Amino acid sequence: MRSFNILALCAATLMVGGVAVAKDKPAAKGEKKICRIEMPAVGRIPARKSCKTQAEWDSISADSQSEAAQTLRSSGRRGS
């Protein structure tokens, strides 16, 4: 049961991370925007389209992975 809770927490963290706002500068002239449909983690909130540069998407992905790793580390300490 504990493994399932940790897995669910990680999945939720990754989904929420996709909705994060990039803190980078505006796209330089000529940078192509990549649009994705973002699904909310829970609830009846409708999906929305978000367009960002590849660098912005990479930054969001790295932030999400970092948050998920931190969540795993902290949840391991609490249960020990």
PDB file of N, CA and C in Angstrom:
ATOM      1  N   MET A   1       0.824  -1.184   0.000  1.00  0.00           N
ATOM      2  CA  MET A   1       0.000   0.000   0.000  1.00  0.00           C
ATOM      3  C   MET A   1       0.875   1.257   0.000  1.00  0.00           C
ATOM      4  N   ARG A   2       1.959   1.243   0.768  1.00  0.00           N
ATOM      5  CA  ARG A   2       2.846   2.399   0.830  1.00  0.00           C
ATOM      6  C   ARG A   2       3.472   2.671  -0.542  1.00  0.00           C
ATOM      7  N   SER A   3       3.850   1.606  -1.248  1.00  0.00           N
ATOM      8  CA  SER A   3       4.430   1.778  -2.582  1.00  0.00           C
ATOM      9  C   SER A   3       3.439   2.451  -3.513  1.00  0.00           C
ATOM     10  N   PHE A   4       2.177   2.071  -3.410  1.00  0.00           N
ATOM     11  CA  PHE A   4       1.150   2.677  -4.252  1.00  0.00           C
ATOM     12  C   PHE A   4       0.998   4.158  -3.944  1.00  0.00           C
ATOM     13  N   ASN A   5       1.026   4.519  -2.658  1.00  0.00           N
ATOM     14  CA  ASN A   5       0.902   5.923  -2.269  1.00  0.00           C
ATOM     15  C   ASN A   5       2.056   6.752  -2.817  1.00  0.00           C
ATOM     16  N   ILE A   6       3.249   6.232  -2.742  1.00  0.00           N
ATOM     17  CA  ILE A   6       4.414   6.941  -3.267  1.00  0.00           C
ATOM     18  C   ILE A   6       4.302   7.082  -4.779  1.00  0.00           C
ATOM     19  N   LEU A   7       3.889   6.029  -5.447  1.00  0.00           N
ATOM     20  CA  LEU A   7       3.727   6.080  -6.901  1.00  0.00           C
ATOM     21  C   LEU A   7       2.663   7.097  -7.284  1.00  0.00           C
ATOM     22  N   ALA A   8       1.550   7.118  -6.581  1.00  0.00           N
ATOM     23  CA  ALA A   8       0.474   8.074  -6.864  1.00  0.00           C
ATOM     24  C   ALA A   8       0.957   9.502  -6.631  1.00  0.00           C
ATOM     25  N   LEU A   9       1.727   9.727  -5.585  1.00  0.00           N
ATOM     26  CA  LEU A   9       2.262  11.047  -5.290  1.00  0.00           C
ATOM     27  C   LEU A   9       3.208  11.513  -6.388  1.00  0.00           C
ATOM     28  N   CYS A  10       4.042  10.619  -6.870  1.00  0.00           N
ATOM     29  CA  CYS A  10       4.967  10.958  -7.959  1.00  0.00           C
ATOM     30  C   CYS A  10       4.206  11.298  -9.234  1.00  0.00           C
ATOM     31  N   ALA A  11       3.204  10.505  -9.546  1.00  0.00           N
ATOM     32  CA  ALA A  11       2.413  10.756 -10.749  1.00  0.00           C
ATOM     33  C   ALA A  11       1.722  12.112 -10.655  1.00  0.00           C
ATOM     34  N   ALA A  12       1.175  12.417  -9.510  1.00  0.00           N
ATOM     35  CA  ALA A  12       0.500  13.705  -9.325  1.00  0.00           C
ATOM     36  C   ALA A  12       1.482  14.857  -9.451  1.00  0.00           C
ATOM     37  N   THR A  13       2.665  14.692  -8.904  1.00  0.00           N
ATOM     38  CA  THR A  13       3.684  15.731  -8.993  1.00  0.00           C
ATOM     39  C   THR A  13       4.081  15.984 -10.434  1.00  0.00           C
ATOM     40  N   LEU A  14       4.243  14.927 -11.198  1.00  0.00           N
ATOM     41  CA  LEU A  14       4.614  15.091 -12.602  1.00  0.00           C
ATOM     42  C   LEU A  14       3.508  15.758 -13.393  1.00  0.00           C
ATOM     43  N   MET A  15       2.261  15.416 -13.109  1.00  0.00           N
ATOM     44  CA  MET A  15       1.152  16.028 -13.829  1.00  0.00           C
ATOM     45  C   MET A  15       1.027  17.505 -13.485  1.00  0.00           C
ATOM     46  N   VAL A  16       1.176  17.838 -12.234  1.00  0.00           N
ATOM     47  CA  VAL A  16       1.074  19.230 -11.816  1.00  0.00           C
ATOM     48  C   VAL A  16       2.236  20.026 -12.393  1.00  0.00           C
ATOM     49  N   GLY A  17       3.393  19.432 -12.472  1.00  0.00           N
ATOM     50  CA  GLY A  17       4.560  20.109 -13.030  1.00  0.00           C
ATOM     51  C   GLY A  17       4.349  20.541 -14.456  1.00  0.00           C
ATOM     52  N   GLY A  18       3.554  19.837 -15.214  1.00  0.00           N
ATOM     53  CA  GLY A  18       3.268  20.206 -16.597  1.00  0.00           C
ATOM     54  C   GLY A  18       2.476  21.476 -16.717  1.00  0.00           C
ATOM     55  N   VAL A  19       1.845  21.902 -15.658  1.00  0.00           N
ATOM     56  CA  VAL A  19       1.032  23.105 -15.692  1.00  0.00           C
ATOM     57  C   VAL A  19       1.839  24.307 -15.225  1.00  0.00           C
ATOM     58  N   ALA A  20       3.047  24.085 -14.782  1.00  0.00           N
ATOM     59  CA  ALA A  20       3.873  25.169 -14.263  1.00  0.00           C
ATOM     60  C   ALA A  20       4.159  26.209 -15.337  1.00  0.00           C
ATOM     61  N   VAL A  21       4.396  27.411 -14.915  1.00  0.00           N
ATOM     62  CA  VAL A  21       4.685  28.507 -15.835  1.00  0.00           C
ATOM     63  C   VAL A  21       6.193  28.639 -15.976  1.00  0.00           C
ATOM     64  N   ALA A  22       6.658  28.732 -17.207  1.00  0.00           N
ATOM     65  CA  ALA A  22       8.091  28.874 -17.447  1.00  0.00           C
ATOM     66  C   ALA A  22       8.551  30.259 -17.008  1.00  0.00           C
ATOM     67  N   LYS A  23       9.741  30.336 -16.443  1.00  0.00           N
ATOM     68  CA  LYS A  23      10.257  31.608 -15.941  1.00  0.00           C
ATOM     69  C   LYS A  23      11.313  32.192 -16.893  1.00  0.00           C
ATOM     70  N   ASP A  24      11.454  31.604 -18.072  1.00  0.00           N
ATOM     71  CA  ASP A  24      12.461  32.059 -19.010  1.00  0.00           C
ATOM     72  C   ASP A  24      12.034  33.334 -19.726  1.00  0.00           C
ATOM     73  N   LYS A  25      12.992  33.928 -20.432  1.00  0.00           N
ATOM     74  CA  LYS A  25      12.718  35.119 -21.220  1.00  0.00           C
ATOM     75  C   LYS A  25      11.781  34.774 -22.383  1.00  0.00           C
ATOM     76  N   PRO A  26      11.168  35.791 -22.984  1.00  0.00           N
ATOM     77  CA  PRO A  26      10.333  35.536 -24.167  1.00  0.00           C
ATOM     78  C   PRO A  26      11.163  34.913 -25.287  1.00  0.00           C
ATOM     79  N   ALA A  27      10.492  34.235 -26.184  1.00  0.00           N
ATOM     80  CA  ALA A  27      11.188  33.539 -27.271  1.00  0.00           C
ATOM     81  C   ALA A  27      11.950  34.526 -28.149  1.00  0.00           C
ATOM     82  N   ALA A  28      13.172  34.147 -28.495  1.00  0.00           N
ATOM     83  CA  ALA A  28      13.952  34.957 -29.403  1.00  0.00           C
ATOM     84  C   ALA A  28      13.329  34.874 -30.794  1.00  0.00           C
ATOM     85  N   LYS A  29      13.582  35.875 -31.581  1.00  0.00           N
ATOM     86  CA  LYS A  29      13.005  35.906 -32.921  1.00  0.00           C
ATOM     87  C   LYS A  29      13.460  34.671 -33.695  1.00  0.00           C
ATOM     88  N   GLY A  30      12.512  33.978 -34.276  1.00  0.00           N
ATOM     89  CA  GLY A  30      12.823  32.798 -35.075  1.00  0.00           C
ATOM     90  C   GLY A  30      12.698  31.491 -34.317  1.00  0.00           C
ATOM     91  N   GLU A  31      12.574  31.539 -32.996  1.00  0.00           N
ATOM     92  CA  GLU A  31      12.394  30.297 -32.240  1.00  0.00           C
ATOM     93  C   GLU A  31      10.984  29.782 -32.461  1.00  0.00           C
ATOM     94  N   LYS A  32      10.899  28.509 -32.763  1.00  0.00           N
ATOM     95  CA  LYS A  32       9.611  27.889 -33.042  1.00  0.00           C
ATOM     96  C   LYS A  32       8.899  27.545 -31.742  1.00  0.00           C
ATOM     97  N   LYS A  33       7.614  27.859 -31.679  1.00  0.00           N
ATOM     98  CA  LYS A  33       6.786  27.498 -30.524  1.00  0.00           C
ATOM     99  C   LYS A  33       6.229  26.098 -30.736  1.00  0.00           C
ATOM    100  N   ILE A  34       6.183  25.336 -29.658  1.00  0.00           N
ATOM    101  CA  ILE A  34       5.618  23.986 -29.671  1.00  0.00           C
ATOM    102  C   ILE A  34       4.387  24.021 -28.781  1.00  0.00           C
ATOM    103  N   CYS A  35       3.241  23.643 -29.344  1.00  0.00           N
ATOM    104  CA  CYS A  35       1.992  23.681 -28.594  1.00  0.00           C
ATOM    105  C   CYS A  35       1.632  22.286 -28.106  1.00  0.00           C
ATOM    106  N   ARG A  36       1.162  22.217 -26.861  1.00  0.00           N
ATOM    107  CA  ARG A  36       0.744  20.958 -26.249  1.00  0.00           C
ATOM    108  C   ARG A  36      -0.580  21.181 -25.535  1.00  0.00           C
ATOM    109  N   ILE A  37      -1.337  20.108 -25.409  1.00  0.00           N
ATOM    110  CA  ILE A  37      -2.560  20.148 -24.637  1.00  0.00           C
ATOM    111  C   ILE A  37      -2.220  19.707 -23.220  1.00  0.00           C
ATOM    112  N   GLU A  38      -2.540  20.551 -22.241  1.00  0.00           N
ATOM    113  CA  GLU A  38      -2.239  20.239 -20.846  1.00  0.00           C
ATOM    114  C   GLU A  38      -3.513  19.797 -20.147  1.00  0.00           C
ATOM    115  N   MET A  39      -3.461  18.593 -19.589  1.00  0.00           N
ATOM    116  CA  MET A  39      -4.595  18.050 -18.850  1.00  0.00           C
ATOM    117  C   MET A  39      -4.404  18.361 -17.372  1.00  0.00           C
ATOM    118  N   PRO A  40      -5.453  18.805 -16.694  1.00  0.00           N
ATOM    119  CA  PRO A  40      -5.326  19.055 -15.253  1.00  0.00           C
ATOM    120  C   PRO A  40      -5.156  17.745 -14.497  1.00  0.00           C
ATOM    121  N   ALA A  41      -4.540  17.821 -13.322  1.00  0.00           N
ATOM    122  CA  ALA A  41      -4.286  16.620 -12.518  1.00  0.00           C
ATOM    123  C   ALA A  41      -5.581  16.018 -11.991  1.00  0.00           C
ATOM    124  N   VAL A  42      -6.502  16.858 -11.576  1.00  0.00           N
ATOM    125  CA  VAL A  42      -7.766  16.388 -11.001  1.00  0.00           C
ATOM    126  C   VAL A  42      -8.879  17.373 -11.318  1.00  0.00           C
ATOM    127  N   GLY A  43     -10.087  16.933 -11.096  1.00  0.00           N
ATOM    128  CA  GLY A  43     -11.224  17.836 -11.172  1.00  0.00           C
ATOM    129  C   GLY A  43     -11.817  17.969 -12.553  1.00  0.00           C
ATOM    130  N   ARG A  44     -12.689  18.943 -12.683  1.00  0.00           N
ATOM    131  CA  ARG A  44     -13.421  19.161 -13.922  1.00  0.00           C
ATOM    132  C   ARG A  44     -12.846  20.310 -14.740  1.00  0.00           C
ATOM    133  N   ILE A  45     -11.666  20.744 -14.398  1.00  0.00           N
ATOM    134  CA  ILE A  45     -11.037  21.833 -15.139  1.00  0.00           C
ATOM    135  C   ILE A  45     -10.739  21.331 -16.550  1.00  0.00           C
ATOM    136  N   PRO A  46     -11.162  22.074 -17.572  1.00  0.00           N
ATOM    137  CA  PRO A  46     -10.929  21.603 -18.943  1.00  0.00           C
ATOM    138  C   PRO A  46      -9.439  21.672 -19.323  1.00  0.00           C
ATOM    139  N   ALA A  47      -9.085  20.851 -20.299  1.00  0.00           N
ATOM    140  CA  ALA A  47      -7.713  20.872 -20.812  1.00  0.00           C
ATOM    141  C   ALA A  47      -7.478  22.212 -21.493  1.00  0.00           C
ATOM    142  N   ARG A  48      -6.217  22.617 -21.564  1.00  0.00           N
ATOM    143  CA  ARG A  48      -5.918  23.868 -22.250  1.00  0.00           C
ATOM    144  C   ARG A  48      -4.671  23.713 -23.101  1.00  0.00           C
ATOM    145  N   LYS A  49      -4.593  24.524 -24.115  1.00  0.00           N
ATOM    146  CA  LYS A  49      -3.471  24.499 -25.039  1.00  0.00           C
ATOM    147  C   LYS A  49      -2.426  25.493 -24.550  1.00  0.00           C
ATOM    148  N   SER A  50      -1.176  25.064 -24.539  1.00  0.00           N
ATOM    149  CA  SER A  50      -0.082  25.910 -24.097  1.00  0.00           C
ATOM    150  C   SER A  50       1.048  25.841 -25.120  1.00  0.00           C
ATOM    151  N   CYS A  51       1.521  26.992 -25.546  1.00  0.00           N
ATOM    152  CA  CYS A  51       2.588  27.053 -26.551  1.00  0.00           C
ATOM    153  C   CYS A  51       3.842  27.677 -25.936  1.00  0.00           C
ATOM    154  N   LYS A  52       4.953  26.958 -26.052  1.00  0.00           N
ATOM    155  CA  LYS A  52       6.235  27.419 -25.515  1.00  0.00           C
ATOM    156  C   LYS A  52       7.351  26.968 -26.461  1.00  0.00           C
ATOM    157  N   THR A  53       8.540  27.526 -26.264  1.00  0.00           N
ATOM    158  CA  THR A  53       9.693  27.098 -27.056  1.00  0.00           C
ATOM    159  C   THR A  53      10.216  25.775 -26.499  1.00  0.00           C
ATOM    160  N   GLN A  54      11.074  25.113 -27.244  1.00  0.00           N
ATOM    161  CA  GLN A  54      11.653  23.853 -26.782  1.00  0.00           C
ATOM    162  C   GLN A  54      12.440  24.061 -25.490  1.00  0.00           C
ATOM    163  N   ALA A  55      13.149  25.169 -25.386  1.00  0.00           N
ATOM    164  CA  ALA A  55      13.920  25.449 -24.167  1.00  0.00           C
ATOM    165  C   ALA A  55      12.998  25.593 -22.961  1.00  0.00           C
ATOM    166  N   GLU A  56      11.849  26.240 -23.142  1.00  0.00           N
ATOM    167  CA  GLU A  56      10.896  26.402 -22.044  1.00  0.00           C
ATOM    168  C   GLU A  56      10.313  25.054 -21.631  1.00  0.00           C
ATOM    169  N   TRP A  57       9.958  24.211 -22.618  1.00  0.00           N
ATOM    170  CA  TRP A  57       9.432  22.877 -22.292  1.00  0.00           C
ATOM    171  C   TRP A  57      10.490  22.049 -21.565  1.00  0.00           C
ATOM    172  N   ASP A  58      11.753  22.152 -22.002  1.00  0.00           N
ATOM    173  CA  ASP A  58      12.837  21.412 -21.339  1.00  0.00           C
ATOM    174  C   ASP A  58      13.001  21.870 -19.891  1.00  0.00           C
ATOM    175  N   SER A  59      12.882  23.179 -19.649  1.00  0.00           N
ATOM    176  CA  SER A  59      12.998  23.717 -18.302  1.00  0.00           C
ATOM    177  C   SER A  59      11.863  23.210 -17.416  1.00  0.00           C
ATOM    178  N   ILE A  60      10.658  23.190 -17.936  1.00  0.00           N
ATOM    179  CA  ILE A  60       9.506  22.693 -17.187  1.00  0.00           C
ATOM    180  C   ILE A  60       9.691  21.215 -16.856  1.00  0.00           C
ATOM    181  N   SER A  61      10.176  20.447 -17.826  1.00  0.00           N
ATOM    182  CA  SER A  61      10.398  19.020 -17.604  1.00  0.00           C
ATOM    183  C   SER A  61      11.454  18.785 -16.529  1.00  0.00           C
ATOM    184  N   ALA A  62      12.539  19.546 -16.585  1.00  0.00           N
ATOM    185  CA  ALA A  62      13.602  19.402 -15.587  1.00  0.00           C
ATOM    186  C   ALA A  62      13.091  19.773 -14.195  1.00  0.00           C
ATOM    187  N   ASP A  63      12.299  20.843 -14.111  1.00  0.00           N
ATOM    188  CA  ASP A  63      11.729  21.246 -12.819  1.00  0.00           C
ATOM    189  C   ASP A  63      10.815  20.152 -12.269  1.00  0.00           C
ATOM    190  N   SER A  64       9.998  19.570 -13.130  1.00  0.00           N
ATOM    191  CA  SER A  64       9.067  18.519 -12.702  1.00  0.00           C
ATOM    192  C   SER A  64       9.824  17.298 -12.187  1.00  0.00           C
ATOM    193  N   GLN A  65      10.884  16.913 -12.900  1.00  0.00           N
ATOM    194  CA  GLN A  65      11.668  15.760 -12.480  1.00  0.00           C
ATOM    195  C   GLN A  65      12.365  16.030 -11.156  1.00  0.00           C
ATOM    196  N   SER A  66      12.847  17.249 -10.984  1.00  0.00           N
ATOM    197  CA  SER A  66      13.507  17.617  -9.731  1.00  0.00           C
ATOM    198  C   SER A  66      12.523  17.572  -8.565  1.00  0.00           C
ATOM    199  N   GLU A  67      11.321  18.090  -8.778  1.00  0.00           N
ATOM    200  CA  GLU A  67      10.295  18.074  -7.730  1.00  0.00           C
ATOM    201  C   GLU A  67       9.886  16.637  -7.389  1.00  0.00           C
ATOM    202  N   ALA A  68       9.762  15.789  -8.404  1.00  0.00           N
ATOM    203  CA  ALA A  68       9.391  14.395  -8.167  1.00  0.00           C
ATOM    204  C   ALA A  68      10.481  13.679  -7.364  1.00  0.00           C
ATOM    205  N   ALA A  69      11.743  13.920  -7.703  1.00  0.00           N
ATOM    206  CA  ALA A  69      12.848  13.297  -6.978  1.00  0.00           C
ATOM    207  C   ALA A  69      12.878  13.772  -5.526  1.00  0.00           C
ATOM    208  N   GLN A  70      12.637  15.070  -5.332  1.00  0.00           N
ATOM    209  CA  GLN A  70      12.618  15.618  -3.977  1.00  0.00           C
ATOM    210  C   GLN A  70      11.470  15.019  -3.166  1.00  0.00           C
ATOM    211  N   THR A  71      10.312  14.846  -3.806  1.00  0.00           N
ATOM    212  CA  THR A  71       9.163  14.244  -3.132  1.00  0.00           C
ATOM    213  C   THR A  71       9.478  12.820  -2.727  1.00  0.00           C
ATOM    214  N   LEU A  72      10.116  12.069  -3.615  1.00  0.00           N
ATOM    215  CA  LEU A  72      10.478  10.684  -3.283  1.00  0.00           C
ATOM    216  C   LEU A  72      11.448  10.631  -2.115  1.00  0.00           C
ATOM    217  N   ARG A  73      12.422  11.514  -2.128  1.00  0.00           N
ATOM    218  CA  ARG A  73      13.405  11.514  -1.044  1.00  0.00           C
ATOM    219  C   ARG A  73      12.746  11.855   0.292  1.00  0.00           C
ATOM    220  N   SER A  74      11.887  12.861   0.288  1.00  0.00           N
ATOM    221  CA  SER A  74      11.272  13.290   1.552  1.00  0.00           C
ATOM    222  C   SER A  74      10.250  12.276   2.042  1.00  0.00           C
ATOM    223  N   SER A  75       9.540  11.596   1.141  1.00  0.00           N
ATOM    224  CA  SER A  75       8.561  10.600   1.583  1.00  0.00           C
ATOM    225  C   SER A  75       9.264   9.359   2.141  1.00  0.00           C
ATOM    226  N   GLY A  76      10.459   9.081   1.670  1.00  0.00           N
ATOM    227  CA  GLY A  76      11.225   7.945   2.186  1.00  0.00           C
ATOM    228  C   GLY A  76      11.685   8.182   3.603  1.00  0.00           C
ATOM    229  N   ARG A  77      12.021   9.416   3.935  1.00  0.00           N
ATOM    230  CA  ARG A  77      12.482   9.752   5.288  1.00  0.00           C
ATOM    231  C   ARG A  77      11.365   9.708   6.289  1.00  0.00           C
ATOM    232  N   ARG A  78      10.189  10.169   5.876  1.00  0.00           N
ATOM    233  CA  ARG A  78       9.065  10.231   6.797  1.00  0.00           C
ATOM    234  C   ARG A  78       8.621   8.844   7.248  1.00  0.00           C
ATOM    235  N   GLY A  79       8.611   7.892   6.317  1.00  0.00           N
ATOM    236  CA  GLY A  79       8.101   6.577   6.636  1.00  0.00           C
ATOM    237  C   GLY A  79       9.086   5.683   7.366  1.00  0.00           C
ATOM    238  N   SER A  80      10.346   6.090   7.436  1.00  0.00           N
ATOM    239  CA  SER A  80      11.369   5.239   8.054  1.00  0.00           C
ATOM    240  C   SER A  80      11.309   5.286   9.540  1.00  0.00           C
TER     241      SER A  80
END
